[in-house]
């Protein structure tokens, strides 16, 4: 997936119609691989707003998760200037919500949200942090 996106997720992936590796000692034959390109409109996939609503008008801050790539757990820091409902949702690349962390009505200040990725398969995920009626989305890689 492209590191920077606009209103669309730009995805290129490798597709092989036959299983197997065709490596030395393997009896699977060599075959053709295809590299399809798709673009998916973000709001249609995961229901996020058309733009990032954390701007200069809203000085709340959401950090990129760290470590990224993640092997077990990862931390997202959220700095709230006012009380607000706080939640984090993780989506896979087909738009399925696979993790939801609801912190409820949260006080102003810095808050850490821990994402447990131990059960997630390797791949690219998107996480959306919601503060009140605003949200922002970041990319997370699981190894």
N, C-alpha and C. Protein backbone atom coordinates (compact mmCIF):
# COMPACT_ATOMS: atom_id res chain seq x y z
N UNK A 1 0.86 -1.17 0.00
CA UNK A 1 0.00 0.00 0.00
C UNK A 1 0.90 1.22 0.00
N UNK A 2 0.46 2.25 -0.67
CA UNK A 2 1.23 3.49 -0.73
C UNK A 2 1.33 4.10 0.66
N UNK A 3 2.52 4.66 0.97
CA UNK A 3 2.73 5.27 2.28
C UNK A 3 1.89 6.53 2.45
N UNK A 4 1.73 7.30 1.39
CA UNK A 4 0.92 8.52 1.44
C UNK A 4 -0.27 8.32 0.52
N UNK A 5 -1.45 8.67 1.00
CA UNK A 5 -2.64 8.49 0.19
C UNK A 5 -3.46 9.76 0.17
N UNK A 6 -4.34 9.84 -0.80
CA UNK A 6 -5.29 10.94 -0.86
C UNK A 6 -6.64 10.41 -0.39
N UNK A 7 -7.70 10.61 -1.12
CA UNK A 7 -9.01 10.10 -0.72
C UNK A 7 -9.14 8.60 -0.98
N UNK A 8 -8.10 8.00 -1.55
CA UNK A 8 -8.14 6.59 -1.91
C UNK A 8 -6.97 5.83 -1.28
N UNK A 9 -7.19 4.55 -1.02
CA UNK A 9 -6.10 3.65 -0.66
C UNK A 9 -5.60 3.08 -1.98
N UNK A 10 -4.30 3.19 -2.25
CA UNK A 10 -3.71 2.69 -3.48
C UNK A 10 -2.94 1.42 -3.12
N UNK A 11 -3.39 0.30 -3.64
CA UNK A 11 -2.84 -1.00 -3.25
C UNK A 11 -2.38 -1.76 -4.48
N UNK A 12 -1.15 -2.27 -4.41
CA UNK A 12 -0.63 -3.19 -5.42
C UNK A 12 -0.29 -4.47 -4.67
N UNK A 13 -0.70 -5.61 -5.21
CA UNK A 13 -0.40 -6.86 -4.53
C UNK A 13 -0.03 -7.93 -5.55
N UNK A 14 0.64 -8.95 -5.08
CA UNK A 14 1.05 -10.05 -5.94
C UNK A 14 0.02 -11.16 -5.83
N UNK A 15 -0.38 -11.69 -6.99
CA UNK A 15 -1.39 -12.74 -7.00
C UNK A 15 -0.87 -13.91 -7.84
N UNK A 16 -0.96 -15.09 -7.31
CA UNK A 16 -0.49 -16.29 -7.99
C UNK A 16 -1.63 -17.30 -7.95
N UNK A 17 -2.00 -17.83 -9.09
CA UNK A 17 -3.13 -18.75 -9.16
C UNK A 17 -2.80 -20.15 -8.65
N UNK A 18 -1.51 -20.48 -8.53
CA UNK A 18 -1.09 -21.81 -8.11
C UNK A 18 -0.31 -21.73 -6.81
N UNK A 19 -0.59 -22.63 -5.85
CA UNK A 19 0.22 -22.64 -4.62
C UNK A 19 1.59 -23.26 -4.90
N UNK A 20 2.52 -22.99 -4.02
CA UNK A 20 3.85 -23.58 -4.14
C UNK A 20 4.90 -22.53 -4.42
N UNK A 21 6.16 -22.91 -4.23
CA UNK A 21 7.23 -21.95 -4.35
C UNK A 21 8.11 -22.13 -5.58
N UNK A 22 8.07 -23.27 -6.24
CA UNK A 22 8.91 -23.56 -7.39
C UNK A 22 10.38 -23.27 -7.07
N UNK A 23 10.81 -23.71 -5.90
CA UNK A 23 12.21 -23.54 -5.52
C UNK A 23 12.94 -24.87 -5.68
N UNK A 24 14.25 -24.81 -5.59
CA UNK A 24 15.04 -26.03 -5.77
C UNK A 24 14.57 -27.10 -4.78
N UNK A 25 14.30 -28.27 -5.29
CA UNK A 25 13.84 -29.37 -4.45
C UNK A 25 12.33 -29.42 -4.33
N UNK A 26 11.64 -28.42 -4.82
CA UNK A 26 10.18 -28.37 -4.77
C UNK A 26 9.66 -28.82 -6.14
N UNK A 27 8.61 -29.59 -6.16
CA UNK A 27 8.12 -30.11 -7.44
C UNK A 27 7.06 -29.21 -8.07
N UNK A 28 6.74 -28.09 -7.46
CA UNK A 28 5.76 -27.18 -8.04
C UNK A 28 6.36 -26.49 -9.26
N UNK A 29 5.61 -26.40 -10.36
CA UNK A 29 6.15 -25.74 -11.56
C UNK A 29 6.13 -24.22 -11.41
N UNK A 30 6.95 -23.56 -12.23
CA UNK A 30 6.92 -22.10 -12.27
C UNK A 30 5.61 -21.67 -12.91
N UNK A 31 5.09 -20.54 -12.50
CA UNK A 31 3.84 -20.04 -13.05
C UNK A 31 3.87 -18.53 -13.16
N UNK A 32 2.84 -17.99 -13.74
CA UNK A 32 2.74 -16.54 -13.90
C UNK A 32 2.23 -15.91 -12.61
N UNK A 33 2.81 -14.77 -12.27
CA UNK A 33 2.33 -13.96 -11.16
C UNK A 33 1.71 -12.69 -11.73
N UNK A 34 0.70 -12.21 -11.09
CA UNK A 34 0.03 -10.99 -11.52
C UNK A 34 0.17 -9.95 -10.42
N UNK A 35 0.23 -8.69 -10.79
CA UNK A 35 0.37 -7.60 -9.85
C UNK A 35 -0.78 -6.61 -10.05
N UNK A 36 -1.96 -6.94 -9.54
CA UNK A 36 -3.10 -6.04 -9.71
C UNK A 36 -2.93 -4.75 -8.91
N UNK A 37 -3.47 -3.68 -9.44
CA UNK A 37 -3.52 -2.39 -8.76
C UNK A 37 -4.98 -2.07 -8.51
N UNK A 38 -5.31 -1.71 -7.27
CA UNK A 38 -6.67 -1.27 -6.97
C UNK A 38 -6.61 0.02 -6.17
N UNK A 39 -7.64 0.82 -6.34
CA UNK A 39 -7.78 1.99 -5.49
C UNK A 39 -9.16 1.92 -4.87
N UNK A 40 -9.21 2.14 -3.57
CA UNK A 40 -10.46 2.02 -2.82
C UNK A 40 -10.71 3.34 -2.11
N UNK A 41 -11.91 3.87 -2.29
CA UNK A 41 -12.27 5.13 -1.65
C UNK A 41 -12.35 4.90 -0.14
N UNK A 42 -11.58 5.65 0.64
CA UNK A 42 -11.47 5.41 2.08
C UNK A 42 -12.81 5.40 2.81
N UNK A 43 -13.68 6.39 2.64
CA UNK A 43 -14.93 6.36 3.40
C UNK A 43 -15.79 5.14 3.12
N UNK A 44 -15.71 4.59 1.91
CA UNK A 44 -16.50 3.41 1.58
C UNK A 44 -15.96 2.17 2.28
N UNK A 45 -14.66 2.16 2.56
CA UNK A 45 -14.05 0.97 3.16
C UNK A 45 -14.22 0.95 4.67
N UNK A 46 -13.85 2.04 5.33
CA UNK A 46 -13.83 2.00 6.78
C UNK A 46 -14.64 3.10 7.44
N UNK A 47 -15.39 3.85 6.65
CA UNK A 47 -16.29 4.84 7.23
C UNK A 47 -15.60 6.04 7.84
N UNK A 48 -14.37 6.36 7.41
CA UNK A 48 -13.72 7.54 7.96
C UNK A 48 -14.16 8.76 7.17
N UNK A 49 -14.00 9.91 7.76
CA UNK A 49 -14.38 11.14 7.10
C UNK A 49 -13.44 11.40 5.93
N UNK A 50 -13.85 12.32 5.03
CA UNK A 50 -13.06 12.60 3.83
C UNK A 50 -11.74 13.28 4.13
N UNK A 51 -11.60 13.91 5.29
CA UNK A 51 -10.33 14.57 5.58
C UNK A 51 -9.99 14.38 7.05
N UNK A 52 -8.77 14.64 7.35
CA UNK A 52 -8.28 14.52 8.72
C UNK A 52 -8.77 15.72 9.50
N UNK A 53 -9.58 15.50 10.52
CA UNK A 53 -10.21 16.61 11.22
C UNK A 53 -9.38 17.13 12.38
N UNK A 54 -8.17 16.60 12.58
CA UNK A 54 -7.29 17.17 13.59
C UNK A 54 -6.42 18.20 12.89
N UNK A 55 -6.84 19.44 12.91
CA UNK A 55 -6.12 20.50 12.22
C UNK A 55 -5.77 21.58 13.24
N UNK A 56 -5.33 22.74 12.75
CA UNK A 56 -4.99 23.84 13.65
C UNK A 56 -6.19 24.29 14.47
N UNK A 57 -7.38 24.07 13.92
CA UNK A 57 -8.59 24.45 14.65
C UNK A 57 -8.78 23.57 15.88
N UNK A 58 -8.30 22.31 15.79
CA UNK A 58 -8.40 21.36 16.89
C UNK A 58 -6.99 20.94 17.28
N UNK A 59 -6.40 21.54 18.30
CA UNK A 59 -5.01 21.24 18.61
C UNK A 59 -4.78 19.92 19.35
N UNK A 60 -5.80 19.05 19.49
CA UNK A 60 -5.55 17.72 20.06
C UNK A 60 -4.54 17.02 19.16
N UNK A 61 -3.76 16.09 19.73
CA UNK A 61 -2.70 15.44 18.98
C UNK A 61 -2.80 13.94 19.12
N UNK A 62 -2.63 13.21 18.01
CA UNK A 62 -2.58 11.75 18.01
C UNK A 62 -1.25 11.36 17.37
N UNK A 63 -0.43 10.57 18.09
CA UNK A 63 0.87 10.16 17.57
C UNK A 63 0.74 8.97 16.64
N UNK A 64 1.77 8.78 15.83
CA UNK A 64 1.91 7.53 15.08
C UNK A 64 2.19 6.44 16.11
N UNK A 65 1.67 5.24 15.89
CA UNK A 65 1.94 4.15 16.83
C UNK A 65 3.43 3.83 16.85
N UNK A 66 3.90 3.36 17.99
CA UNK A 66 5.30 2.94 18.10
C UNK A 66 5.39 1.75 19.04
N UNK A 67 6.22 0.77 18.77
CA UNK A 67 7.02 0.68 17.55
C UNK A 67 6.13 0.39 16.34
N UNK A 68 6.63 0.74 15.19
CA UNK A 68 5.95 0.48 13.93
C UNK A 68 7.03 0.21 12.89
N UNK A 69 7.22 -1.02 12.44
CA UNK A 69 6.34 -2.18 12.56
C UNK A 69 6.28 -2.73 13.99
N UNK A 70 5.17 -3.40 14.26
CA UNK A 70 4.91 -3.95 15.59
C UNK A 70 4.95 -5.48 15.53
N UNK A 71 5.48 -6.10 16.57
CA UNK A 71 5.49 -7.56 16.67
C UNK A 71 4.49 -8.05 17.72
N UNK A 72 4.38 -7.34 18.84
CA UNK A 72 3.47 -7.78 19.91
C UNK A 72 2.48 -6.68 20.28
N UNK A 73 2.98 -5.61 20.89
CA UNK A 73 2.09 -4.50 21.26
C UNK A 73 2.68 -3.19 20.76
N UNK A 74 1.80 -2.22 20.61
CA UNK A 74 2.21 -0.91 20.12
C UNK A 74 1.42 0.15 20.89
N UNK A 75 2.00 1.33 21.02
CA UNK A 75 1.42 2.42 21.80
C UNK A 75 1.04 3.58 20.88
N UNK A 76 -0.13 4.17 21.14
CA UNK A 76 -0.54 5.41 20.49
C UNK A 76 -0.76 6.43 21.60
N UNK A 77 -0.10 7.57 21.50
CA UNK A 77 -0.30 8.65 22.47
C UNK A 77 -1.33 9.63 21.93
N UNK A 78 -2.26 10.02 22.80
CA UNK A 78 -3.29 10.99 22.42
C UNK A 78 -3.25 12.11 23.45
N UNK A 79 -3.08 13.34 22.98
CA UNK A 79 -3.08 14.52 23.86
C UNK A 79 -4.39 15.25 23.66
N UNK A 80 -5.21 15.27 24.71
CA UNK A 80 -6.51 15.94 24.66
C UNK A 80 -6.43 17.26 25.41
N UNK A 81 -6.94 18.32 24.80
CA UNK A 81 -6.99 19.61 25.48
C UNK A 81 -8.24 19.74 26.35
N UNK A 82 -9.27 18.96 26.00
CA UNK A 82 -10.53 18.99 26.75
C UNK A 82 -11.03 17.57 26.98
N UNK A 83 -12.01 17.43 27.89
CA UNK A 83 -12.65 16.12 28.09
C UNK A 83 -13.33 15.71 26.78
N UNK A 84 -13.29 14.42 26.48
CA UNK A 84 -13.95 13.92 25.27
C UNK A 84 -14.04 12.41 25.33
N UNK A 85 -14.96 11.84 24.54
CA UNK A 85 -15.00 10.40 24.35
C UNK A 85 -13.81 10.02 23.48
N UNK A 86 -13.10 8.97 23.87
CA UNK A 86 -11.88 8.56 23.17
C UNK A 86 -11.97 7.08 22.82
N UNK A 87 -11.69 6.76 21.56
CA UNK A 87 -11.68 5.35 21.15
C UNK A 87 -10.68 5.15 20.01
N UNK A 88 -10.30 3.90 19.82
CA UNK A 88 -9.39 3.52 18.74
C UNK A 88 -9.94 2.26 18.09
N UNK A 89 -9.94 2.24 16.77
CA UNK A 89 -10.41 1.08 16.02
C UNK A 89 -9.32 0.69 15.03
N UNK A 90 -9.08 -0.61 14.89
CA UNK A 90 -8.10 -1.12 13.93
C UNK A 90 -8.86 -1.86 12.85
N UNK A 91 -8.50 -1.57 11.58
CA UNK A 91 -9.14 -2.18 10.42
C UNK A 91 -8.11 -2.91 9.58
N UNK A 92 -8.52 -4.06 9.01
CA UNK A 92 -7.63 -4.72 8.06
C UNK A 92 -7.83 -4.08 6.69
N UNK A 93 -7.11 -4.56 5.68
CA UNK A 93 -7.15 -3.91 4.38
C UNK A 93 -8.42 -4.17 3.59
N UNK A 94 -9.29 -5.04 4.09
CA UNK A 94 -10.58 -5.20 3.44
C UNK A 94 -11.66 -4.39 4.15
N UNK A 95 -11.25 -3.60 5.14
CA UNK A 95 -12.19 -2.72 5.82
C UNK A 95 -12.91 -3.33 7.00
N UNK A 96 -12.51 -4.52 7.43
CA UNK A 96 -13.14 -5.15 8.58
C UNK A 96 -12.55 -4.60 9.87
N UNK A 97 -13.43 -4.21 10.79
CA UNK A 97 -12.95 -3.76 12.10
C UNK A 97 -12.53 -4.99 12.88
N UNK A 98 -11.25 -5.03 13.32
CA UNK A 98 -10.77 -6.22 14.01
C UNK A 98 -10.41 -5.96 15.47
N UNK A 99 -10.22 -4.70 15.83
CA UNK A 99 -9.98 -4.34 17.23
C UNK A 99 -10.73 -3.05 17.51
N UNK A 100 -11.36 -2.99 18.68
CA UNK A 100 -11.99 -1.76 19.13
C UNK A 100 -11.63 -1.53 20.59
N UNK A 101 -11.06 -0.37 20.87
CA UNK A 101 -10.70 -0.01 22.24
C UNK A 101 -11.46 1.27 22.56
N UNK A 102 -12.38 1.18 23.49
CA UNK A 102 -13.18 2.34 23.86
C UNK A 102 -12.76 2.79 25.25
N UNK A 103 -12.16 3.97 25.33
CA UNK A 103 -11.72 4.52 26.61
C UNK A 103 -12.82 5.30 27.31
N UNK A 104 -13.94 5.54 26.62
CA UNK A 104 -15.06 6.27 27.22
C UNK A 104 -14.77 7.76 27.35
N UNK A 105 -15.49 8.40 28.23
CA UNK A 105 -15.33 9.84 28.46
C UNK A 105 -14.03 10.04 29.22
N UNK A 106 -13.07 10.74 28.60
CA UNK A 106 -11.70 10.82 29.10
C UNK A 106 -11.34 12.26 29.43
N UNK A 107 -10.56 12.43 30.47
CA UNK A 107 -10.15 13.77 30.90
C UNK A 107 -9.10 14.36 29.97
N UNK A 108 -8.91 15.65 30.05
CA UNK A 108 -7.86 16.32 29.28
C UNK A 108 -6.51 15.81 29.75
N UNK A 109 -5.53 15.81 28.86
CA UNK A 109 -4.19 15.36 29.20
C UNK A 109 -3.68 14.36 28.19
N UNK A 110 -2.56 13.72 28.51
CA UNK A 110 -1.94 12.75 27.61
C UNK A 110 -2.36 11.35 28.03
N UNK A 111 -2.83 10.58 27.05
CA UNK A 111 -3.31 9.22 27.30
C UNK A 111 -2.61 8.26 26.35
N UNK A 112 -2.27 7.08 26.84
CA UNK A 112 -1.67 6.04 26.02
C UNK A 112 -2.71 4.97 25.75
N UNK A 113 -2.79 4.57 24.49
CA UNK A 113 -3.65 3.46 24.11
C UNK A 113 -2.73 2.35 23.60
N UNK A 114 -2.85 1.16 24.19
CA UNK A 114 -2.01 0.03 23.80
C UNK A 114 -2.79 -0.87 22.85
N UNK A 115 -2.19 -1.15 21.70
CA UNK A 115 -2.79 -2.06 20.72
C UNK A 115 -2.08 -3.41 20.87
N UNK A 116 -2.86 -4.45 21.17
CA UNK A 116 -2.31 -5.80 21.27
C UNK A 116 -2.39 -6.46 19.90
N UNK A 117 -1.25 -6.63 19.24
CA UNK A 117 -1.21 -7.18 17.89
C UNK A 117 -0.75 -8.63 17.87
N UNK A 118 -0.69 -9.28 19.02
CA UNK A 118 -0.15 -10.64 19.08
C UNK A 118 -0.98 -11.64 18.28
N UNK A 119 -2.27 -11.40 18.12
CA UNK A 119 -3.13 -12.33 17.40
C UNK A 119 -3.35 -11.92 15.94
N UNK A 120 -2.75 -10.80 15.52
CA UNK A 120 -2.96 -10.32 14.16
C UNK A 120 -1.98 -10.96 13.19
N UNK A 121 -2.44 -11.36 12.01
CA UNK A 121 -1.50 -11.85 11.00
C UNK A 121 -0.64 -10.70 10.48
N UNK A 122 0.53 -11.03 9.94
CA UNK A 122 1.40 -10.01 9.37
C UNK A 122 0.65 -9.26 8.28
N UNK A 123 0.91 -7.95 8.20
CA UNK A 123 0.27 -7.17 7.15
C UNK A 123 0.16 -5.71 7.52
N UNK A 124 -0.58 -4.99 6.70
CA UNK A 124 -0.79 -3.56 6.89
C UNK A 124 -2.20 -3.34 7.41
N UNK A 125 -2.32 -2.49 8.41
CA UNK A 125 -3.60 -2.18 9.03
C UNK A 125 -3.75 -0.66 9.12
N UNK A 126 -4.97 -0.21 9.25
CA UNK A 126 -5.25 1.19 9.51
C UNK A 126 -5.90 1.29 10.87
N UNK A 127 -5.50 2.28 11.66
CA UNK A 127 -6.18 2.51 12.92
C UNK A 127 -6.73 3.93 12.94
N UNK A 128 -7.94 4.05 13.46
CA UNK A 128 -8.62 5.34 13.53
C UNK A 128 -8.82 5.69 15.00
N UNK A 129 -8.36 6.87 15.38
CA UNK A 129 -8.57 7.38 16.73
C UNK A 129 -9.71 8.39 16.65
N UNK A 130 -10.72 8.18 17.49
CA UNK A 130 -11.87 9.09 17.53
C UNK A 130 -11.85 9.85 18.84
N UNK A 131 -11.94 11.17 18.72
CA UNK A 131 -12.03 12.06 19.88
C UNK A 131 -13.30 12.86 19.69
N UNK A 132 -14.33 12.52 20.49
CA UNK A 132 -15.62 13.17 20.28
C UNK A 132 -16.14 12.84 18.89
N UNK A 133 -16.45 13.89 18.10
CA UNK A 133 -16.96 13.66 16.74
C UNK A 133 -15.87 13.82 15.67
N UNK A 134 -14.61 13.88 16.10
CA UNK A 134 -13.48 14.02 15.18
C UNK A 134 -12.68 12.73 15.13
N UNK A 135 -11.96 12.53 14.02
CA UNK A 135 -11.15 11.32 13.93
C UNK A 135 -9.93 11.57 13.05
N UNK A 136 -8.94 10.70 13.22
CA UNK A 136 -7.77 10.69 12.35
C UNK A 136 -7.34 9.24 12.17
N UNK A 137 -6.72 8.94 11.03
CA UNK A 137 -6.36 7.57 10.69
C UNK A 137 -4.87 7.49 10.35
N UNK A 138 -4.22 6.44 10.85
CA UNK A 138 -2.80 6.18 10.58
C UNK A 138 -2.62 4.74 10.13
N UNK A 139 -1.47 4.48 9.52
CA UNK A 139 -1.14 3.13 9.06
C UNK A 139 -0.26 2.43 10.09
N UNK A 140 -0.50 1.13 10.28
CA UNK A 140 0.29 0.31 11.21
C UNK A 140 0.70 -0.96 10.46
N UNK A 141 1.95 -1.36 10.65
CA UNK A 141 2.45 -2.57 10.01
C UNK A 141 2.73 -3.61 11.10
N UNK A 142 2.20 -4.82 10.89
CA UNK A 142 2.42 -5.93 11.84
C UNK A 142 3.36 -6.92 11.19
N UNK A 143 4.43 -7.27 11.92
CA UNK A 143 5.40 -8.27 11.42
C UNK A 143 5.25 -9.56 12.16
